[in-house]
Amino acid sequence: MRQTTPSIEPRGLDGIVWRDEVKTILVTAGVIIQRKKVLVTQRKKDTVRGMFWEFPGGKVRDGEDPRKALQRELKEELDIEVQVGKPLEVVYHLYPEHPILLLAFHCRIRQGSPEPVGCRDLRWVCMDELKRLALTPADEPIRKGLLCSRK
């Protein structure tokens, strides 16, 4: 069943027009740092915000624990198993198609070596390189937090 919310414009015959409610999408991102470099992935060309870089992760399914979702996404996207640590950042971003709530966690690779299975490319970048990458807008606060913490 779709959730709806009243709208005050334009007015219908009974004074209220109902429109579909915009659902906030819950997503996760893993911040993996090794040897003073952070792992970033590049979105595939044919996706929304294609070719932009981001911290790897993805959507949380209905009823799924965000930490488990992040483990699942990193296995699907990079073929790695991770230990999800403490939350690093919480970001609310309003994209044109829908808002997202992004939960970023520190992660540590437990098994495997990252491979670009579900993304176009990946890179381990130092903080100076991270400054210059074209990141998705929702990932900007994570980048800023990392850069500030390294000063």
N, C-alpha and C. Protein backbone atom coordinates (compact mmCIF):
# COMPACT_ATOMS: atom_id res chain seq x y z
N MET A 1 0.83 -1.17 0.00
CA MET A 1 0.00 0.00 0.00
C MET A 1 0.88 1.24 0.00
N ARG A 2 0.58 2.18 -0.83
CA ARG A 2 1.35 3.41 -0.91
C ARG A 2 0.94 4.35 0.22
N GLN A 3 1.94 5.00 0.79
CA GLN A 3 1.65 6.01 1.78
C GLN A 3 1.44 7.33 1.05
N THR A 4 0.50 8.10 1.52
CA THR A 4 0.26 9.39 0.91
C THR A 4 0.26 10.47 1.97
N THR A 5 0.41 11.67 1.53
CA THR A 5 0.40 12.81 2.42
C THR A 5 -0.42 13.92 1.77
N PRO A 6 -1.13 14.72 2.57
CA PRO A 6 -1.94 15.77 1.96
C PRO A 6 -1.07 16.88 1.38
N SER A 7 -1.58 17.49 0.35
CA SER A 7 -0.91 18.61 -0.28
C SER A 7 -1.89 19.78 -0.29
N ILE A 8 -1.38 20.98 -0.08
CA ILE A 8 -2.28 22.13 -0.07
C ILE A 8 -2.37 22.82 -1.41
N GLU A 9 -1.60 22.33 -2.38
CA GLU A 9 -1.70 22.93 -3.70
C GLU A 9 -1.52 21.90 -4.79
N PRO A 10 -2.14 21.95 -5.92
CA PRO A 10 -3.35 22.73 -6.13
C PRO A 10 -4.53 22.06 -5.43
N ARG A 11 -5.54 22.79 -5.12
CA ARG A 11 -6.70 22.27 -4.41
C ARG A 11 -7.60 21.47 -5.34
N GLY A 12 -8.08 20.36 -4.84
CA GLY A 12 -9.03 19.53 -5.57
C GLY A 12 -10.45 19.94 -5.21
N LEU A 13 -11.39 19.14 -5.64
CA LEU A 13 -12.79 19.44 -5.39
C LEU A 13 -13.11 19.49 -3.91
N ASP A 14 -12.50 18.62 -3.12
CA ASP A 14 -12.79 18.61 -1.68
C ASP A 14 -11.80 19.45 -0.89
N GLY A 15 -10.92 20.17 -1.56
CA GLY A 15 -9.99 21.06 -0.89
C GLY A 15 -8.63 20.44 -0.61
N ILE A 16 -8.50 19.12 -0.77
CA ILE A 16 -7.21 18.46 -0.51
C ILE A 16 -6.87 17.55 -1.69
N VAL A 17 -5.66 17.64 -2.15
CA VAL A 17 -5.15 16.76 -3.19
C VAL A 17 -4.14 15.84 -2.53
N TRP A 18 -4.24 14.53 -2.79
CA TRP A 18 -3.30 13.58 -2.22
C TRP A 18 -2.21 13.29 -3.24
N ARG A 19 -0.99 13.23 -2.76
CA ARG A 19 0.13 12.90 -3.64
C ARG A 19 0.94 11.81 -2.98
N ASP A 20 1.70 11.10 -3.78
CA ASP A 20 2.54 10.04 -3.23
C ASP A 20 3.60 10.64 -2.31
N GLU A 21 3.82 9.97 -1.19
CA GLU A 21 4.85 10.40 -0.26
C GLU A 21 6.21 9.96 -0.78
N VAL A 22 7.20 10.81 -0.63
CA VAL A 22 8.55 10.48 -1.05
C VAL A 22 9.22 9.72 0.08
N LYS A 23 9.64 8.50 -0.19
CA LYS A 23 10.27 7.66 0.81
C LYS A 23 11.76 7.92 0.88
N THR A 24 12.26 8.10 2.09
CA THR A 24 13.70 8.24 2.29
C THR A 24 14.33 6.86 2.20
N ILE A 25 15.39 6.74 1.39
CA ILE A 25 16.10 5.49 1.19
C ILE A 25 17.25 5.41 2.19
N LEU A 26 17.32 4.32 2.93
CA LEU A 26 18.41 4.10 3.88
C LEU A 26 19.55 3.39 3.16
N VAL A 27 20.73 3.99 3.20
CA VAL A 27 21.91 3.40 2.55
C VAL A 27 23.09 3.41 3.52
N THR A 28 24.06 2.55 3.23
CA THR A 28 25.25 2.47 4.07
C THR A 28 26.50 2.69 3.23
N ALA A 29 27.57 3.07 3.90
CA ALA A 29 28.86 3.22 3.24
C ALA A 29 29.94 2.74 4.20
N GLY A 30 30.93 2.07 3.65
CA GLY A 30 32.05 1.60 4.44
C GLY A 30 33.28 2.45 4.19
N VAL A 31 33.89 2.92 5.25
CA VAL A 31 35.14 3.67 5.14
C VAL A 31 36.25 2.73 5.59
N ILE A 32 37.04 2.30 4.61
CA ILE A 32 38.11 1.34 4.85
C ILE A 32 39.44 2.04 4.61
N ILE A 33 40.24 2.12 5.65
CA ILE A 33 41.54 2.78 5.56
C ILE A 33 42.64 1.77 5.86
N GLN A 34 43.60 1.68 4.94
CA GLN A 34 44.76 0.82 5.11
C GLN A 34 45.99 1.57 4.65
N ARG A 35 47.05 1.51 5.44
CA ARG A 35 48.32 2.16 5.09
C ARG A 35 48.12 3.63 4.69
N LYS A 36 47.27 4.32 5.45
CA LYS A 36 46.99 5.75 5.25
C LYS A 36 46.29 6.05 3.94
N LYS A 37 45.66 5.02 3.34
CA LYS A 37 44.89 5.23 2.12
C LYS A 37 43.48 4.73 2.34
N VAL A 38 42.51 5.39 1.70
CA VAL A 38 41.11 5.04 1.85
C VAL A 38 40.59 4.43 0.55
N LEU A 39 39.71 3.45 0.69
CA LEU A 39 39.15 2.77 -0.48
C LEU A 39 37.92 3.51 -0.99
N VAL A 40 37.92 3.82 -2.29
CA VAL A 40 36.76 4.43 -2.95
C VAL A 40 36.44 3.62 -4.20
N THR A 41 35.17 3.67 -4.58
CA THR A 41 34.74 2.95 -5.78
C THR A 41 34.08 3.92 -6.75
N GLN A 42 34.15 3.57 -8.02
CA GLN A 42 33.55 4.40 -9.06
C GLN A 42 32.26 3.74 -9.55
N ARG A 43 31.20 4.54 -9.60
CA ARG A 43 29.90 4.03 -10.05
C ARG A 43 29.96 3.70 -11.53
N LYS A 44 29.19 2.69 -11.92
CA LYS A 44 29.14 2.32 -13.34
C LYS A 44 28.54 3.46 -14.16
N LYS A 45 28.98 3.54 -15.41
CA LYS A 45 28.59 4.63 -16.30
C LYS A 45 27.08 4.73 -16.50
N ASP A 46 26.38 3.60 -16.58
CA ASP A 46 24.95 3.60 -16.89
C ASP A 46 24.04 3.70 -15.67
N THR A 47 24.59 4.11 -14.51
CA THR A 47 23.78 4.25 -13.30
C THR A 47 23.56 5.72 -12.98
N VAL A 48 22.64 5.97 -12.05
CA VAL A 48 22.44 7.34 -11.57
C VAL A 48 23.76 7.80 -10.95
N ARG A 49 24.17 9.01 -11.28
CA ARG A 49 25.46 9.57 -10.85
C ARG A 49 26.62 8.69 -11.31
N GLY A 50 26.46 8.14 -12.51
CA GLY A 50 27.47 7.29 -13.11
C GLY A 50 28.81 8.00 -13.23
N MET A 51 29.86 7.27 -13.00
CA MET A 51 31.26 7.69 -13.09
C MET A 51 31.72 8.50 -11.87
N PHE A 52 30.82 8.85 -10.97
CA PHE A 52 31.25 9.52 -9.75
C PHE A 52 31.88 8.49 -8.82
N TRP A 53 32.73 8.96 -7.94
CA TRP A 53 33.36 8.12 -6.93
C TRP A 53 32.54 8.18 -5.65
N GLU A 54 32.66 7.12 -4.84
CA GLU A 54 31.92 7.07 -3.58
C GLU A 54 32.61 6.10 -2.63
N PHE A 55 32.21 6.17 -1.38
CA PHE A 55 32.64 5.17 -0.42
C PHE A 55 31.73 3.97 -0.64
N PRO A 56 32.29 2.76 -0.74
CA PRO A 56 31.48 1.60 -1.13
C PRO A 56 30.39 1.25 -0.11
N GLY A 57 29.29 0.76 -0.64
CA GLY A 57 28.16 0.35 0.20
C GLY A 57 26.92 0.23 -0.66
N GLY A 58 25.76 0.43 -0.06
CA GLY A 58 24.54 0.33 -0.84
C GLY A 58 23.29 0.38 0.03
N LYS A 59 22.17 0.06 -0.61
CA LYS A 59 20.86 0.15 0.03
C LYS A 59 20.65 -0.91 1.10
N VAL A 60 19.91 -0.49 2.13
CA VAL A 60 19.49 -1.39 3.19
C VAL A 60 18.10 -1.91 2.82
N ARG A 61 17.94 -3.21 2.84
CA ARG A 61 16.63 -3.80 2.52
C ARG A 61 15.68 -3.60 3.70
N ASP A 62 14.38 -3.64 3.43
CA ASP A 62 13.38 -3.51 4.48
C ASP A 62 13.63 -4.55 5.57
N GLY A 63 13.71 -4.09 6.81
CA GLY A 63 13.90 -4.98 7.95
C GLY A 63 15.33 -5.45 8.16
N GLU A 64 16.25 -5.02 7.32
CA GLU A 64 17.65 -5.46 7.42
C GLU A 64 18.44 -4.55 8.35
N ASP A 65 19.30 -5.13 9.15
CA ASP A 65 20.19 -4.36 10.00
C ASP A 65 21.21 -3.64 9.11
N PRO A 66 21.43 -2.33 9.31
CA PRO A 66 22.37 -1.60 8.44
C PRO A 66 23.78 -2.18 8.40
N ARG A 67 24.26 -2.69 9.52
CA ARG A 67 25.61 -3.28 9.52
C ARG A 67 25.66 -4.55 8.67
N LYS A 68 24.61 -5.35 8.78
CA LYS A 68 24.54 -6.57 7.95
C LYS A 68 24.39 -6.20 6.48
N ALA A 69 23.63 -5.15 6.20
CA ALA A 69 23.47 -4.68 4.82
C ALA A 69 24.81 -4.25 4.24
N LEU A 70 25.60 -3.56 5.05
CA LEU A 70 26.91 -3.12 4.58
C LEU A 70 27.82 -4.32 4.30
N GLN A 71 27.80 -5.30 5.17
CA GLN A 71 28.58 -6.51 4.91
C GLN A 71 28.15 -7.18 3.62
N ARG A 72 26.83 -7.28 3.42
CA ARG A 72 26.30 -7.90 2.19
C ARG A 72 26.71 -7.11 0.96
N GLU A 73 26.54 -5.80 1.01
CA GLU A 73 26.87 -4.94 -0.14
C GLU A 73 28.35 -5.00 -0.49
N LEU A 74 29.22 -5.02 0.50
CA LEU A 74 30.66 -5.06 0.21
C LEU A 74 31.08 -6.41 -0.34
N LYS A 75 30.37 -7.46 0.07
CA LYS A 75 30.63 -8.78 -0.50
C LYS A 75 30.19 -8.80 -1.97
N GLU A 76 28.99 -8.26 -2.25
CA GLU A 76 28.46 -8.23 -3.62
C GLU A 76 29.26 -7.31 -4.53
N GLU A 77 29.63 -6.15 -4.02
CA GLU A 77 30.27 -5.12 -4.83
C GLU A 77 31.77 -5.32 -5.00
N LEU A 78 32.43 -5.81 -3.93
CA LEU A 78 33.90 -5.88 -3.94
C LEU A 78 34.46 -7.27 -3.62
N ASP A 79 33.60 -8.23 -3.34
CA ASP A 79 34.00 -9.58 -2.99
C ASP A 79 34.94 -9.61 -1.78
N ILE A 80 34.59 -8.82 -0.75
CA ILE A 80 35.35 -8.83 0.50
C ILE A 80 34.41 -9.05 1.67
N GLU A 81 34.97 -9.61 2.72
CA GLU A 81 34.24 -9.74 3.98
C GLU A 81 34.84 -8.74 4.94
N VAL A 82 33.95 -7.97 5.59
CA VAL A 82 34.43 -6.91 6.47
C VAL A 82 33.85 -7.04 7.87
N GLN A 83 34.59 -6.44 8.80
CA GLN A 83 34.09 -6.24 10.15
C GLN A 83 33.62 -4.79 10.18
N VAL A 84 32.35 -4.59 10.50
CA VAL A 84 31.79 -3.24 10.55
C VAL A 84 32.01 -2.69 11.95
N GLY A 85 32.65 -1.53 12.00
CA GLY A 85 32.97 -0.90 13.28
C GLY A 85 32.00 0.20 13.67
N LYS A 86 32.53 1.21 14.29
CA LYS A 86 31.73 2.32 14.81
C LYS A 86 31.20 3.20 13.69
N PRO A 87 30.04 3.81 13.93
CA PRO A 87 29.53 4.79 12.96
C PRO A 87 30.51 5.96 12.84
N LEU A 88 30.70 6.42 11.62
CA LEU A 88 31.61 7.53 11.36
C LEU A 88 30.83 8.81 11.07
N GLU A 89 29.75 8.68 10.30
CA GLU A 89 28.98 9.85 9.86
C GLU A 89 27.57 9.42 9.52
N VAL A 90 26.63 10.32 9.74
CA VAL A 90 25.24 10.14 9.31
C VAL A 90 24.91 11.34 8.44
N VAL A 91 24.48 11.07 7.21
CA VAL A 91 24.24 12.14 6.23
C VAL A 91 22.82 12.03 5.68
N TYR A 92 22.08 13.13 5.72
CA TYR A 92 20.79 13.20 5.02
C TYR A 92 21.03 14.04 3.78
N HIS A 93 20.68 13.49 2.61
CA HIS A 93 20.87 14.25 1.37
C HIS A 93 19.63 14.12 0.49
N LEU A 94 19.20 15.23 -0.03
CA LEU A 94 18.01 15.24 -0.89
C LEU A 94 18.43 15.23 -2.35
N TYR A 95 18.39 14.04 -2.96
CA TYR A 95 18.64 13.92 -4.39
C TYR A 95 17.34 14.21 -5.13
N PRO A 96 17.40 14.56 -6.41
CA PRO A 96 16.17 14.87 -7.17
C PRO A 96 15.16 13.71 -7.19
N GLU A 97 15.64 12.48 -7.27
CA GLU A 97 14.71 11.35 -7.36
C GLU A 97 14.17 10.91 -6.00
N HIS A 98 14.92 11.10 -4.92
CA HIS A 98 14.48 10.74 -3.58
C HIS A 98 15.54 11.15 -2.57
N PRO A 99 15.13 11.37 -1.32
CA PRO A 99 16.12 11.65 -0.28
C PRO A 99 16.77 10.35 0.20
N ILE A 100 17.99 10.47 0.70
CA ILE A 100 18.65 9.30 1.29
C ILE A 100 19.15 9.66 2.69
N LEU A 101 19.22 8.65 3.52
CA LEU A 101 19.87 8.74 4.82
C LEU A 101 21.04 7.77 4.74
N LEU A 102 22.25 8.32 4.75
CA LEU A 102 23.47 7.55 4.56
C LEU A 102 24.17 7.34 5.90
N LEU A 103 24.35 6.08 6.26
CA LEU A 103 25.07 5.72 7.48
C LEU A 103 26.45 5.22 7.08
N ALA A 104 27.48 5.95 7.49
CA ALA A 104 28.86 5.57 7.16
C ALA A 104 29.51 4.96 8.40
N PHE A 105 30.17 3.83 8.18
CA PHE A 105 30.83 3.10 9.27
C PHE A 105 32.30 2.87 8.94
N HIS A 106 33.12 2.89 9.98
CA HIS A 106 34.49 2.40 9.81
C HIS A 106 34.40 0.90 9.55
N CYS A 107 35.21 0.39 8.64
CA CYS A 107 35.24 -1.05 8.35
C CYS A 107 36.67 -1.52 8.26
N ARG A 108 36.83 -2.82 8.53
CA ARG A 108 38.13 -3.46 8.40
C ARG A 108 37.93 -4.72 7.57
N ILE A 109 38.80 -4.93 6.58
CA ILE A 109 38.71 -6.12 5.74
C ILE A 109 39.16 -7.34 6.55
N ARG A 110 38.29 -8.32 6.61
CA ARG A 110 38.62 -9.57 7.31
C ARG A 110 39.11 -10.64 6.35
N GLN A 111 38.54 -10.62 5.13
CA GLN A 111 38.92 -11.64 4.15
C GLN A 111 38.74 -11.10 2.74
N GLY A 112 39.69 -11.42 1.88
CA GLY A 112 39.61 -11.04 0.48
C GLY A 112 40.40 -9.79 0.16
N SER A 113 40.50 -9.56 -1.12
CA SER A 113 41.15 -8.36 -1.63
C SER A 113 40.13 -7.69 -2.55
N PRO A 114 39.85 -6.41 -2.36
CA PRO A 114 38.80 -5.76 -3.14
C PRO A 114 38.98 -5.89 -4.65
N GLU A 115 37.91 -6.29 -5.31
CA GLU A 115 37.85 -6.39 -6.76
C GLU A 115 36.60 -5.64 -7.22
N PRO A 116 36.66 -4.94 -8.35
CA PRO A 116 35.50 -4.16 -8.82
C PRO A 116 34.41 -5.04 -9.46
N VAL A 117 33.77 -5.88 -8.66
CA VAL A 117 32.76 -6.81 -9.15
C VAL A 117 31.46 -6.07 -9.50
N GLY A 118 31.01 -5.20 -8.60
CA GLY A 118 29.74 -4.50 -8.80
C GLY A 118 29.89 -3.01 -9.01
N CYS A 119 31.09 -2.59 -9.38
CA CYS A 119 31.34 -1.17 -9.65
C CYS A 119 32.27 -1.07 -10.86
N ARG A 120 32.46 0.13 -11.36
CA ARG A 120 33.31 0.30 -12.55
C ARG A 120 34.79 0.14 -12.22
N ASP A 121 35.19 0.73 -11.08
CA ASP A 121 36.60 0.73 -10.72
C ASP A 121 36.71 0.96 -9.21
N LEU A 122 37.90 0.75 -8.69
CA LEU A 122 38.18 1.08 -7.29
C LEU A 122 39.59 1.61 -7.19
N ARG A 123 39.82 2.35 -6.12
CA ARG A 123 41.16 2.92 -5.89
C ARG A 123 41.41 3.04 -4.40
N TRP A 124 42.65 2.87 -4.04
CA TRP A 124 43.12 3.23 -2.70
C TRP A 124 43.76 4.61 -2.87
N VAL A 125 43.25 5.61 -2.20
CA VAL A 125 43.75 6.97 -2.40
C VAL A 125 44.21 7.58 -1.08
N CYS A 126 45.27 8.39 -1.18
CA CYS A 126 45.71 9.13 -0.01
C CYS A 126 44.77 10.33 0.18
N MET A 127 44.89 11.00 1.29
CA MET A 127 43.97 12.10 1.59
C MET A 127 44.08 13.25 0.57
N ASP A 128 45.27 13.49 0.05
CA ASP A 128 45.41 14.53 -0.98
C ASP A 128 44.66 14.16 -2.25
N GLU A 129 44.71 12.89 -2.64
CA GLU A 129 43.97 12.44 -3.82
C GLU A 129 42.47 12.48 -3.56
N LEU A 130 42.06 12.16 -2.34
CA LEU A 130 40.64 12.17 -1.98
C LEU A 130 40.04 13.56 -2.17
N LYS A 131 40.83 14.59 -1.90
CA LYS A 131 40.37 15.98 -2.07
C LYS A 131 39.95 16.27 -3.51
N ARG A 132 40.62 15.65 -4.47
CA ARG A 132 40.42 15.97 -5.89
C ARG A 132 39.40 15.10 -6.61
N LEU A 133 38.96 14.01 -5.99
CA LEU A 133 38.01 13.11 -6.67
C LEU A 133 36.62 13.72 -6.77
N ALA A 134 35.93 13.40 -7.85
CA ALA A 134 34.53 13.82 -8.04
C ALA A 134 33.65 12.82 -7.30
N LEU A 135 33.33 13.13 -6.05
CA LEU A 135 32.50 12.25 -5.22
C LEU A 135 31.03 12.59 -5.39
N THR A 136 30.17 11.61 -5.09
CA THR A 136 28.73 11.88 -5.08
C THR A 136 28.46 12.91 -3.98
N PRO A 137 27.45 13.76 -4.16
CA PRO A 137 27.16 14.79 -3.17
C PRO A 137 26.93 14.25 -1.75
N ALA A 138 26.27 13.12 -1.62
CA ALA A 138 26.00 12.56 -0.29
C ALA A 138 27.28 12.13 0.42
N ASP A 139 28.33 11.84 -0.32
CA ASP A 139 29.60 11.40 0.27
C ASP A 139 30.49 12.56 0.69
N GLU A 140 30.14 13.77 0.28
CA GLU A 140 30.97 14.95 0.61
C GLU A 140 31.20 15.13 2.11
N PRO A 141 30.17 15.04 2.96
CA PRO A 141 30.42 15.21 4.39
C PRO A 141 31.37 14.15 4.97
N ILE A 142 31.36 12.97 4.41
CA ILE A 142 32.28 11.92 4.87
C ILE A 142 33.70 12.33 4.51
N ARG A 143 33.88 12.78 3.27
CA ARG A 143 35.20 13.23 2.84
C ARG A 143 35.69 14.36 3.75
N LYS A 144 34.83 15.35 3.98
CA LYS A 144 35.23 16.49 4.82
C LYS A 144 35.63 16.05 6.22
N GLY A 145 34.87 15.10 6.77
CA GLY A 145 35.20 14.59 8.09
C GLY A 145 36.55 13.89 8.13
N LEU A 146 36.83 13.10 7.11
CA LEU A 146 38.12 12.41 7.02
C LEU A 146 39.26 13.40 6.89
N LEU A 147 39.08 14.41 6.05
CA LEU A 147 40.14 15.38 5.83
C LEU A 147 40.40 16.20 7.08
N CYS A 148 39.35 16.56 7.80
CA CYS A 148 39.49 17.32 9.04
C CYS A 148 40.17 16.50 10.14
N SER A 149 39.85 15.22 10.18
CA SER A 149 40.42 14.35 11.23
C SER A 149 41.89 14.06 10.99
N ARG A 150 42.36 14.26 9.78
CA ARG A 150 43.76 13.95 9.44
C ARG A 150 44.67 15.16 9.61
N LYS A 151 44.12 16.30 9.97
CA LYS A 151 44.97 17.52 10.12
C LYS A 151 45.69 17.53 11.42
